[in-house]
Structures are given as structure tokens and as C-alpha cells.
Protein backbone atom coordinates (compact mmCIF):
# COMPACT_ATOMS: atom_id res chain seq x y z
CA MET A 1 23.32 27.93 59.05
CA ARG A 2 22.77 30.24 62.04
CA PHE A 3 22.72 34.06 61.97
CA ARG A 4 22.94 36.88 64.43
CA ILE A 5 21.67 40.47 64.24
CA SER A 6 24.77 42.55 63.60
CA LYS A 7 23.33 46.08 63.59
CA ILE A 8 20.03 47.91 63.93
CA TYR A 9 19.25 50.81 61.62
CA LEU A 10 16.89 53.75 61.96
CA ASN A 11 16.98 56.37 59.18
CA ASP A 12 20.08 54.69 57.67
CA ARG A 13 22.16 55.11 60.83
CA ALA A 14 23.20 52.34 63.14
CA LEU A 15 22.00 52.55 66.73
CA PRO A 16 24.50 51.95 69.51
CA SER A 17 23.55 49.39 72.08
CA GLY A 18 22.85 52.06 74.68
CA ALA A 19 20.62 54.30 72.51
CA THR A 20 17.08 55.20 73.60
CA GLY A 21 14.58 52.61 72.45
CA ALA A 22 17.36 50.10 71.67
CA ARG A 23 18.34 49.29 75.21
CA THR A 24 20.11 46.01 75.65
CA HIS A 25 20.04 45.48 71.94
CA LYS A 26 22.41 42.57 72.46
CA ARG A 27 19.39 40.69 73.74
CA LEU A 28 17.96 40.86 70.23
CA ARG A 29 20.02 37.76 69.64
CA ALA A 30 17.75 35.92 72.02
CA HIS A 31 14.47 34.19 71.16
CA ARG A 32 12.43 37.31 71.99
CA SER A 33 13.83 39.34 69.10
CA ASP A 34 10.31 40.16 67.85
CA TYR A 35 9.52 41.80 71.19
CA TYR A 36 12.64 44.00 71.16
CA ARG A 37 12.19 44.91 67.50
CA GLU A 38 8.67 46.13 68.36
CA ALA A 39 10.13 48.18 71.24
CA ILE A 40 12.62 49.84 68.88
CA VAL A 41 9.95 50.66 66.31
CA LYS A 42 7.62 52.17 68.93
CA SER A 43 10.45 54.23 70.38
CA ALA A 44 11.39 55.57 66.97
CA ALA A 45 7.77 56.39 66.25
CA ARG A 46 7.52 58.44 69.44
CA ALA A 47 10.63 60.34 68.38
CA GLY A 48 8.99 61.19 65.06
CA GLU A 49 11.60 59.35 63.03
CA GLU A 50 10.84 57.70 59.70
CA ILE A 51 11.31 53.94 59.80
CA ARG A 52 12.71 52.00 56.85
CA PHE A 53 11.76 48.41 57.48
CA SER A 54 13.70 47.11 54.49
CA SER A 55 16.95 48.20 56.15
CA LEU A 56 15.98 47.87 59.79
CA PHE A 57 18.36 44.98 60.50
CA GLU A 58 21.66 43.74 59.20
CA PHE A 59 22.44 40.05 59.58
CA ALA A 60 25.80 38.35 59.87
CA GLU A 61 26.79 34.70 60.21
CA LEU A 62 26.88 33.64 63.84
CA GLU A 63 29.80 31.63 65.14
CA ALA A 64 29.43 29.96 68.49
CA PRO A 65 31.55 31.76 71.13
CA PRO A 66 34.04 29.67 73.10
CA LYS A 67 31.85 29.92 76.20
CA GLN A 68 28.89 28.38 74.35
CA LYS A 69 31.09 25.59 73.04
CA LYS A 70 32.25 24.83 76.58
CA ARG A 71 28.67 24.79 77.79
CA ARG A 72 27.70 22.30 75.10
CA LEU A 73 30.65 20.04 75.96
CA LYS A 74 29.73 20.17 79.66
CA LYS A 75 26.15 19.19 78.85
CA ALA A 76 27.33 16.31 76.64
CA PHE A 77 29.73 15.00 79.31
CA LYS A 78 27.06 15.34 81.96
CA LYS A 79 24.68 13.22 79.90
CA ILE A 80 27.41 10.59 79.35
CA ALA A 81 28.26 10.59 83.06
CA ASP A 82 24.61 10.20 84.03
CA LEU A 83 24.27 7.33 81.59
CA ALA A 84 27.44 5.64 82.89
CA VAL A 85 26.20 5.92 86.49
CA GLY A 86 22.89 4.41 85.45
CA VAL A 87 24.62 1.50 83.72
CA GLY A 88 26.90 0.97 86.75
CA VAL A 89 23.95 0.87 89.11
CA LEU A 90 22.22 -1.62 86.82
CA ILE A 91 25.31 -3.89 86.75
CA LEU A 92 25.62 -3.66 90.54
CA LYS A 93 22.01 -4.69 90.97
CA ILE A 94 22.60 -7.65 88.66
CA PHE A 95 25.65 -8.77 90.71
CA LEU A 96 23.76 -8.40 93.98
CA ALA A 97 20.89 -10.47 92.61
CA ILE A 98 23.32 -13.18 91.40
CA GLY A 99 25.16 -13.16 94.76
CA LYS A 100 21.94 -13.50 96.66
CA ALA A 101 20.86 -16.40 94.48
CA VAL A 102 24.25 -18.17 94.86
CA ALA A 103 24.22 -17.69 98.65
CA GLY A 104 20.80 -19.28 98.87
CA LEU A 105 21.93 -22.17 96.68
CA LEU A 106 25.07 -22.75 98.79
CA LYS A 107 22.97 -22.79 101.92
CA ARG A 108 20.80 -25.54 100.50
CA LEU A 109 23.77 -27.59 99.26
CA ALA A 110 25.89 -27.18 102.44
CA PRO A 111 24.58 -30.37 104.10
CA LEU A 112 25.67 -32.41 101.08
CA SER A 113 29.36 -31.40 101.55
CA ARG A 114 30.32 -32.91 98.26
CA PRO A 115 33.41 -31.36 96.59
CA ARG A 116 32.05 -32.17 93.17
CA SER A 117 28.85 -30.22 93.85
CA ILE A 118 30.84 -27.25 95.12
CA SER A 119 33.03 -27.26 91.99
CA MET A 120 29.98 -27.32 89.75
CA LEU A 121 28.43 -24.50 91.74
CA PHE A 122 31.59 -22.40 91.47
CA GLY A 123 31.71 -22.96 87.70
CA ALA A 124 28.09 -21.92 87.33
CA LEU A 125 28.78 -18.77 89.37
CA CYS A 126 31.71 -17.82 87.16
CA ALA A 127 29.67 -18.41 84.02
CA ALA A 128 26.85 -16.24 85.36
CA ILE A 129 29.31 -13.45 86.16
CA VAL A 130 30.84 -13.60 82.67
CA VAL A 131 27.40 -13.50 81.00
CA SER A 132 26.38 -10.54 83.16
CA LEU A 133 29.54 -8.63 82.28
CA VAL A 134 29.14 -9.28 78.57
CA SER A 135 25.45 -8.24 78.68
CA ALA A 136 26.26 -5.08 80.62
CA PHE A 137 29.04 -4.21 78.19
CA ALA A 138 26.75 -4.75 75.17
CA LEU A 139 24.01 -2.66 76.75
CA GLY A 140 26.37 0.16 77.64
CA SER A 141 27.93 0.12 74.18
CA ALA A 142 24.52 0.35 72.54
CA LEU A 143 23.46 3.25 74.75
CA LEU A 144 26.71 5.17 74.38
CA ALA A 145 27.29 4.49 70.70
CA ARG A 146 24.80 7.11 69.60
CA TYR A 147 26.80 9.83 71.35
CA PHE A 148 30.08 8.94 69.62
CA LEU A 149 29.09 7.81 66.11
CA PRO A 150 29.58 10.46 63.41
CA TYR A 151 26.44 11.87 61.77
CA GLU A 152 25.35 14.47 59.25
CA GLU A 153 22.57 16.98 59.69
CA PHE A 154 19.98 17.02 56.90
CA VAL A 155 17.67 20.04 56.81
CA ILE A 156 14.33 19.12 55.22
CA PRO A 157 14.02 21.35 52.11
CA GLU A 158 10.89 23.15 50.86
CA LEU A 159 9.46 20.70 48.33
CA VAL A 160 5.93 22.07 47.87
CA GLY A 161 5.50 23.50 44.39
CA GLN A 162 8.34 21.48 42.86
CA SER A 163 8.01 18.69 40.34
CA PHE A 164 8.09 15.26 41.99
CA ASP A 165 10.49 13.99 39.31
CA ASN A 166 12.84 16.87 40.13
CA VAL A 167 12.57 16.15 43.87
CA GLU A 168 13.47 12.50 43.35
CA GLU A 169 16.43 13.42 41.19
CA LEU A 170 17.80 15.93 43.73
CA TYR A 171 17.12 14.19 47.05
CA SER A 172 16.81 10.44 46.40
CA ASP A 173 20.24 9.89 48.00
CA ARG A 174 19.32 11.94 51.10
CA ALA A 175 15.79 10.77 51.94
CA ASP A 176 13.14 8.14 51.25
CA PHE A 177 9.74 9.32 50.02
CA SER A 178 6.26 8.03 50.88
CA VAL A 179 3.96 9.34 48.16
CA THR A 180 0.19 9.77 48.06
CA TYR A 181 -1.78 11.30 45.19
CA ASP A 182 -4.75 13.65 45.08
CA TYR A 183 -6.54 15.85 42.55
CA SER A 184 -5.82 19.59 42.59
CA SER A 185 -7.32 22.29 40.41
CA GLU A 186 -4.54 24.73 41.43
CA HIS A 187 -1.45 22.63 40.68
CA ALA A 188 -0.30 20.85 37.53
CA GLU A 189 -0.05 17.07 37.42
CA GLY A 190 3.11 15.77 39.11
CA THR A 191 3.58 18.83 41.37
CA VAL A 192 4.19 18.35 45.11
CA ILE A 193 1.27 19.93 47.01
CA GLY A 194 2.09 18.83 50.58
CA GLN A 195 4.94 17.44 52.68
CA TYR A 196 5.67 16.13 56.17
CA PRO A 197 7.91 16.98 58.00
CA SER A 198 7.74 20.61 56.92
CA SER A 199 10.75 22.47 55.57
CA GLY A 200 13.42 23.53 58.06
CA VAL A 201 13.20 20.43 60.27
CA VAL A 202 16.70 19.01 60.98
CA LYS A 203 17.25 15.25 60.79
CA LYS A 204 20.43 13.53 62.05
CA GLN A 205 21.75 10.99 59.56
CA TYR A 206 24.02 8.29 61.04
CA ALA A 207 26.13 6.09 58.82
CA ALA A 208 24.34 2.83 59.59
CA SER A 209 20.80 4.16 60.02
CA PRO A 210 18.21 4.30 57.20
CA LEU A 211 17.53 7.51 55.30
CA PRO A 212 14.94 9.88 56.82
CA ASN A 213 11.44 9.47 55.44
CA ILE A 214 9.49 12.38 53.94
CA SER A 215 5.77 12.00 53.19
CA LEU A 216 4.71 13.80 50.02
CA LYS A 217 1.33 14.49 48.46
CA VAL A 218 1.54 14.81 44.68
CA SER A 219 -1.05 16.43 42.42
CA LEU A 220 -2.94 14.40 39.80
CA GLY A 221 -3.99 17.66 38.15
CA THR A 222 -7.54 18.82 37.69
CA LYS A 223 -10.11 16.04 37.92
CA THR A 224 -11.90 15.52 34.60
CA TYR A 225 -14.95 13.57 33.47
CA GLN A 226 -15.64 12.24 29.98
CA VAL A 227 -19.28 12.91 29.16
CA GLU A 228 -21.21 9.72 28.47
CA ASP A 229 -23.92 9.40 25.81
CA LEU A 230 -27.01 10.05 27.95
CA VAL A 231 -29.47 10.82 25.10
CA GLY A 232 -32.64 8.72 25.46
CA LYS A 233 -31.91 7.70 29.07
CA SER A 234 -34.32 8.55 31.86
CA GLU A 235 -33.59 11.63 33.95
CA ARG A 236 -33.16 9.50 37.09
CA GLU A 237 -30.68 7.13 35.44
CA ALA A 238 -28.63 10.04 34.06
CA LEU A 239 -28.52 11.86 37.42
CA ILE A 240 -27.36 8.71 39.26
CA THR A 241 -24.50 8.27 36.78
CA LEU A 242 -23.42 11.91 37.03
CA ARG A 243 -23.61 12.08 40.83
CA GLU A 244 -21.45 8.97 41.11
CA ASN A 245 -18.80 10.93 39.17
CA GLU A 246 -19.38 14.13 41.22
CA VAL A 247 -20.48 16.13 38.18
CA ILE A 248 -22.44 19.36 38.75
CA THR A 249 -25.62 19.34 36.63
CA LYS A 250 -28.13 21.87 35.37
CA ILE A 251 -31.52 20.73 34.05
CA ILE A 252 -33.52 22.50 31.33
CA ARG A 253 -36.97 21.09 30.55
CA GLU A 254 -38.51 21.56 27.11
CA HIS A 255 -41.09 20.02 24.78
CA SER A 256 -40.09 17.48 22.15
CA GLU A 257 -42.07 15.91 19.33
CA THR A 258 -39.80 12.83 19.21
CA VAL A 259 -38.49 12.18 22.75
CA GLU A 260 -40.71 10.72 25.45
CA ALA A 261 -41.39 12.84 28.53
CA GLY A 262 -38.77 12.40 31.30
CA ARG A 263 -35.96 11.34 28.98
CA ILE A 264 -32.79 13.15 27.95
CA ILE A 265 -32.99 15.10 24.67
CA SER A 266 -29.36 16.29 24.64
CA THR A 267 -26.42 17.35 26.85
CA VAL A 268 -24.18 20.40 26.71
CA PRO A 269 -21.37 19.61 26.14
CA SER A 270 -22.26 16.43 24.30
CA ALA A 271 -20.45 13.08 24.48
CA PRO A 272 -17.54 12.35 24.41
CA ALA A 273 -16.33 15.79 25.55
CA GLN A 274 -14.16 16.23 28.66
CA ILE A 275 -15.24 18.57 31.47
CA ARG A 276 -13.16 19.66 34.46
CA GLU A 277 -14.09 19.41 38.10
CA GLY A 278 -16.44 22.26 38.97
CA GLU A 279 -17.73 22.76 35.41
CA ILE A 280 -21.47 22.35 34.76
CA LEU A 281 -23.06 19.73 32.52
CA THR A 282 -26.45 20.85 31.19
CA LEU A 283 -29.19 18.25 30.64
CA HIS A 284 -32.11 19.00 28.31
CA VAL A 285 -35.04 16.87 29.56
CA SER A 286 -38.17 16.24 27.49
CA LEU A 287 -41.63 17.34 28.61
CA GLY A 288 -43.18 15.31 25.79
CA LYS A 289 -45.18 16.79 22.93
CA LYS A 290 -46.37 20.32 23.32
CA ILE A 291 -50.10 20.37 24.03
CA THR A 292 -51.90 23.25 22.30
CA SER A 293 -55.38 24.22 23.46
CA ILE A 294 -57.84 24.65 20.57
CA PRO A 295 -61.31 26.20 21.09
CA VAL A 296 -64.20 24.23 19.54
CA PRO A 297 -65.92 26.22 16.76
CA ASP A 298 -69.62 27.13 16.95
CA LEU A 299 -71.34 24.85 14.40
CA TYR A 300 -74.97 25.86 15.00
CA ASN A 301 -77.00 26.41 11.77
CA LEU A 302 -74.03 25.49 9.56
CA THR A 303 -74.55 23.01 6.76
CA GLU A 304 -73.12 19.55 7.30
CA SER A 305 -70.21 20.20 4.92
CA GLY A 306 -69.57 23.61 6.49
CA ALA A 307 -69.43 22.04 9.95
CA ILE A 308 -66.93 19.41 8.77
CA SER A 309 -64.69 22.12 7.28
CA ALA A 310 -64.84 24.22 10.46
CA ILE A 311 -63.71 21.24 12.53
CA THR A 312 -60.84 20.10 10.29
CA ASP A 313 -59.54 23.65 9.76
CA ARG A 314 -58.72 23.82 13.49
CA ALA A 315 -56.77 20.53 13.51
CA LEU A 316 -59.65 18.70 15.23
CA SER A 317 -61.26 15.45 14.10
CA VAL A 318 -64.90 14.88 13.03
CA GLY A 319 -66.68 12.59 15.45
CA ASP A 320 -70.18 11.07 15.13
CA ILE A 321 -72.77 12.74 12.83
CA SER A 322 -76.40 12.01 13.67
CA TYR A 323 -79.73 13.22 12.22
CA GLU A 324 -82.86 14.32 13.99
CA ALA A 325 -86.18 15.84 12.98
CA SER A 326 -86.20 19.49 13.64
CA ALA A 327 -88.07 22.66 12.78
CA LEU A 328 -84.81 23.91 11.24
CA PRO A 329 -84.30 23.31 7.57
CA ALA A 330 -82.98 19.87 6.75
CA GLY A 331 -79.18 19.66 6.50
CA ARG A 332 -78.46 22.30 9.15
CA VAL A 333 -76.53 21.62 12.41
CA ILE A 334 -78.84 21.80 15.40
CA SER A 335 -76.44 20.69 18.21
CA GLN A 336 -72.83 19.69 18.87
CA SER A 337 -70.59 18.01 21.45
CA PRO A 338 -68.50 19.37 23.09
CA ALA A 339 -70.04 22.81 23.36
CA PRO A 340 -68.63 25.77 21.44
CA PHE A 341 -65.38 27.32 22.73
CA THR A 342 -64.47 24.28 24.84
CA GLU A 343 -60.65 23.89 24.96
CA LEU A 344 -59.49 20.69 23.22
CA THR A 345 -56.09 19.38 22.19
CA GLU A 346 -55.01 18.71 18.64
CA GLY A 347 -56.77 15.73 17.04
CA GLU A 348 -59.66 15.42 19.52
CA LYS A 349 -63.11 14.68 18.08
CA VAL A 350 -66.17 16.94 17.72
CA SER A 351 -69.58 15.34 17.09
CA PHE A 352 -72.70 17.13 15.85
CA THR A 353 -76.37 16.55 14.92
CA VAL A 354 -77.92 17.60 11.61
CA SER A 355 -81.60 18.50 11.14
CA ALA A 356 -83.60 16.04 9.07
CA GLY A 357 -86.54 18.45 8.71
CA ASP A 358 -90.09 17.93 10.05
CA ARG A 359 -90.95 14.22 9.54
CA PHE A 360 -94.61 14.74 10.43
CA SER A 361 -95.23 16.95 7.43
CA SER A 362 -96.94 15.70 4.26
CA HIS A 363 -93.64 14.43 2.83
CA LEU A 364 -93.60 11.15 0.96
CA ILE A 365 -90.79 8.62 0.68
CA PRO A 366 -88.92 9.48 -2.50
CA ASP A 367 -88.25 7.03 -5.32
CA LEU A 368 -84.60 6.00 -5.07
CA TYR A 369 -84.42 3.59 -8.03
CA GLY A 370 -81.18 3.92 -10.05
CA MET A 371 -79.41 6.12 -7.47
CA THR A 372 -76.12 5.30 -5.79
CA VAL A 373 -76.00 4.86 -2.02
CA GLU A 374 -74.62 8.38 -1.55
CA GLN A 375 -77.32 9.94 -3.74
CA ALA A 376 -80.04 7.99 -1.97
CA SER A 377 -78.71 9.03 1.46
CA ALA A 378 -78.75 12.70 0.48
CA LYS A 379 -82.27 12.40 -0.93
CA LEU A 380 -83.58 10.78 2.24
CA ARG A 381 -82.00 13.45 4.49
CA GLU A 382 -84.05 16.04 2.64
CA VAL A 383 -87.20 14.49 4.07
CA GLY A 384 -85.79 13.79 7.55
CA ILE A 385 -84.96 10.08 7.33
CA VAL A 386 -81.77 8.12 6.79
CA VAL A 387 -80.53 5.00 5.03
CA GLY A 388 -81.21 1.82 7.00
CA SER A 389 -79.89 -1.61 6.04
CA ILE A 390 -78.21 -2.18 2.67
CA TYR A 391 -78.61 -5.52 0.87
CA SER A 392 -76.75 -6.74 -2.21
CA VAL A 393 -78.81 -8.56 -4.86
CA SER A 394 -78.20 -9.91 -8.33
CA SER A 395 -79.72 -7.72 -11.00
CA GLY A 396 -79.21 -6.59 -14.53
CA ALA A 397 -79.16 -2.96 -13.41
CA PRO A 398 -75.83 -1.12 -13.17
CA SER A 399 -73.72 -2.30 -10.26
CA GLY A 400 -73.97 -0.18 -7.11
CA THR A 401 -77.38 1.32 -7.93
CA VAL A 402 -80.65 0.99 -6.04
CA VAL A 403 -83.00 -1.61 -7.59
CA ALA A 404 -85.53 -1.73 -4.70
CA GLN A 405 -86.36 -0.08 -1.40
CA SER A 406 -88.47 -0.56 1.72
CA PRO A 407 -90.83 1.22 2.41
CA ILE A 408 -91.78 1.62 -1.24
CA PRO A 409 -91.75 5.04 -2.94
CA SER A 410 -94.58 7.52 -2.29
CA SER A 411 -95.37 6.01 1.08
CA PRO A 412 -96.28 8.76 3.55
CA ILE A 413 -93.68 9.46 6.21
CA VAL A 414 -95.09 8.73 9.64
CA SER A 415 -93.53 8.73 13.06
CA SER A 416 -92.64 5.05 12.83
CA ILE A 417 -90.55 5.49 9.70
CA THR A 418 -87.01 6.69 10.48
CA SER A 419 -85.03 4.90 7.78
CA VAL A 420 -85.31 3.21 4.38
CA ASP A 421 -83.64 -0.13 3.56
CA LEU A 422 -81.91 -0.28 0.18
CA TYR A 423 -81.33 -3.20 -2.21
CA ILE A 424 -78.24 -2.59 -4.34
CA SER A 425 -77.37 -4.31 -7.60
CA SER A 426 -74.24 -6.42 -7.43
């Protein structure tokens, strides 16, 4: 439907067409209405008048004046006349071409002077003329038919924001729809989010022609992703999976006593939750077991048992224990490895050396008969030597006790003697 501007208002009073600032207000009906409206507003502003935009214009339905109708009819007839002239010229050219061809043919056949040939030639000429007339008539009818067939005007409606089901129900008899689908976080599933042609475009619908086609883009709703069970997978494998699904990720690294370093401990949210496009999936990635630094205790001058307790109390392990002659009393720690206050991790070993006393003193090899291996070892450490090889022999003595030794008891301890071999009753 077409409209015209009926009146122009400033301060609730209509302006006459000759008023200042509204000159030639009839021309507001033309395409440059925005320009003249701006002129009116500026003029009113200079006059100090208050402008009410909500009531600036009054619209009324526009009926085509008789003069405009006559102009349209003249244009239509002019188009038809131009088309008819064009068709006539085309037909004339066809006849001229046929005449020229027939004249040339007659000239070639003139020497033959056979009545039968002339009759055949005349028949062919008539047939050619009839075919040309029929073709010209068909062509003219096809070109002119569009100007005389009845049609309806279909104004493309505004479909964006409507439900596609509703659009089909309302307009399926007026248009065909080509539909594509896409995700949209702003529109619900099934809502039209785009159209072509846009609203307001007028399509002519003839009786025999197909329905106009409208291309629509319909929303699939917000894109979602169902979280997979990624626990135990490597960080690389998990990230590849998530990036393929366009999921935004956040990584938090932390120590774990049970999960290997570089593998997924957990996800937030966890599987099988659904997350929307744009939401963040948090991955907790293992750094492995937490490594705690433990300083090595100072074992110097501690007894052997005291050194062992100092090591185990700090979650370290006892390594090798060796014995050496020393000026320190027998049974005291004289050195250690690693050095005191070295940083170790839980479970690492600490080795130390215990003094065996001064072996070059006037000590004699003690008598070990009847002692167990442990008792004999402690007795020998008191004089700076250790247990050597242990042999099992048959004897009537209690099982597990010393029945003989080498060197024999009361032998002086010299530099060559570092250990005593024991023979144990079986």
C-alpha cells in the first residue's frame, strides 16, 4: 500500500504549503522527503519553536491521480508499440532473406525450364513463408503475453525472528523456501535468523509461473558439546579432541600421588555433562608426585643405632654401613654420605661409616664360642674388626651358635687382621 504526507505539524498546528520553512511542501511527496523534512525542522529551530517529532507528519493513503494513471498507460503502450515494431522488423528481415534465397535458386534453375521444377520451387517457397509466419506469431505472442497475463503482487514479509513452522504454515501457498541451518546463541532452535530477498521486496506472481523462492537461514539453537571421559588420557590427546569440537579449555596443573605426570586427573564439569558454545571446560593435569626436599641430618659422633634413627625419622633410607679404625671410640659415626644438610627426596639413601676403634692397640681377638652371629659381630666391633665369612658345620652345640673361629681367641690384633671367620652350628 502506498501513502502520502497529508499534513505537516509544528507545535500541534498544521503548516500551510506557503509557510516559512515549509516552502513547496507538496514536494515532500517526492523521493527527497528526508531533505525537506530537515529543512522544516531547521527553520522551526531558528524560529525558536518546540518540535514534536511524534506528531510532525500525518499520513494518508495515496491514490494515483488520473494524470499518473494516464502516464502509466502511455508508458505501457509505448513499450508494446516498440516491441511490435521490433517484431515487425524481424519478420521483414526474415522475408527479405527468404526472397533473396529464392531468387538465387530461381536463377540457378532457370536454364532447366522444367515446369515440374518450378512447381516444386513454388511449393517450397509457400511452405517457407508459412513457417516464417507461424514462428513470428509464436515469438510475438511469447513476448507480448507477459504484458497481458493477469498477475498478483506478493510483498516479501519480514520473516526473521519467526518460527520456521509458523512461516511454512502461513506462506507455503505463496512462496517456496530454500532452507539452510546454522547455530545461534541468540535465537532459539527453529527460529528464522536470516532471509533473502529482504522484507518489502515485491514479486509478481503469474498464474502459470512457479512460486517465488525465499532463502531462509534457520537457527539450530546454541551449539552444545557433551563432555567425554578424559580422565587418564594424555594432555595432548585430550586437547586434540576438544579443539576438534571447538571447546574452550583452561588447564590447571597440580601434583597427584596416583596419576602419572602429563595425564588428566579430572575435568570440570565432568563427563557426561553438556556445555554450551563459549563455556569453558577446565582440565586438571597431573604434575606427578609431589617432590619434597629433605635435608640430610648430621650423623657425626652418633652411635650406630642413633644414626639409623635419625635417618629413618626424616623419611630417608639407610644405605651402606661400613667400619673403619679410628681414634674415636668404637661404635661412633665418623663420616657420612651425602654430607649433612644436603637436600634429598623422600626415600633416598644415606650411608655412613662407624669407628671400629684403634686396631693397633694391645687388643686381643675375643673368644666368640657360644655366641650368636649378632652377638659375635657386636663383640668384634668393640675391638675394631668385623665378621668375615660364615660357615655352617655339624655340631652338638645349639644351632646358630659359634663353635669355632679364625683367628683363634686371644690372638693379638695386627694390621693384617680386619675380620674373623665364624663356624656356626647347624
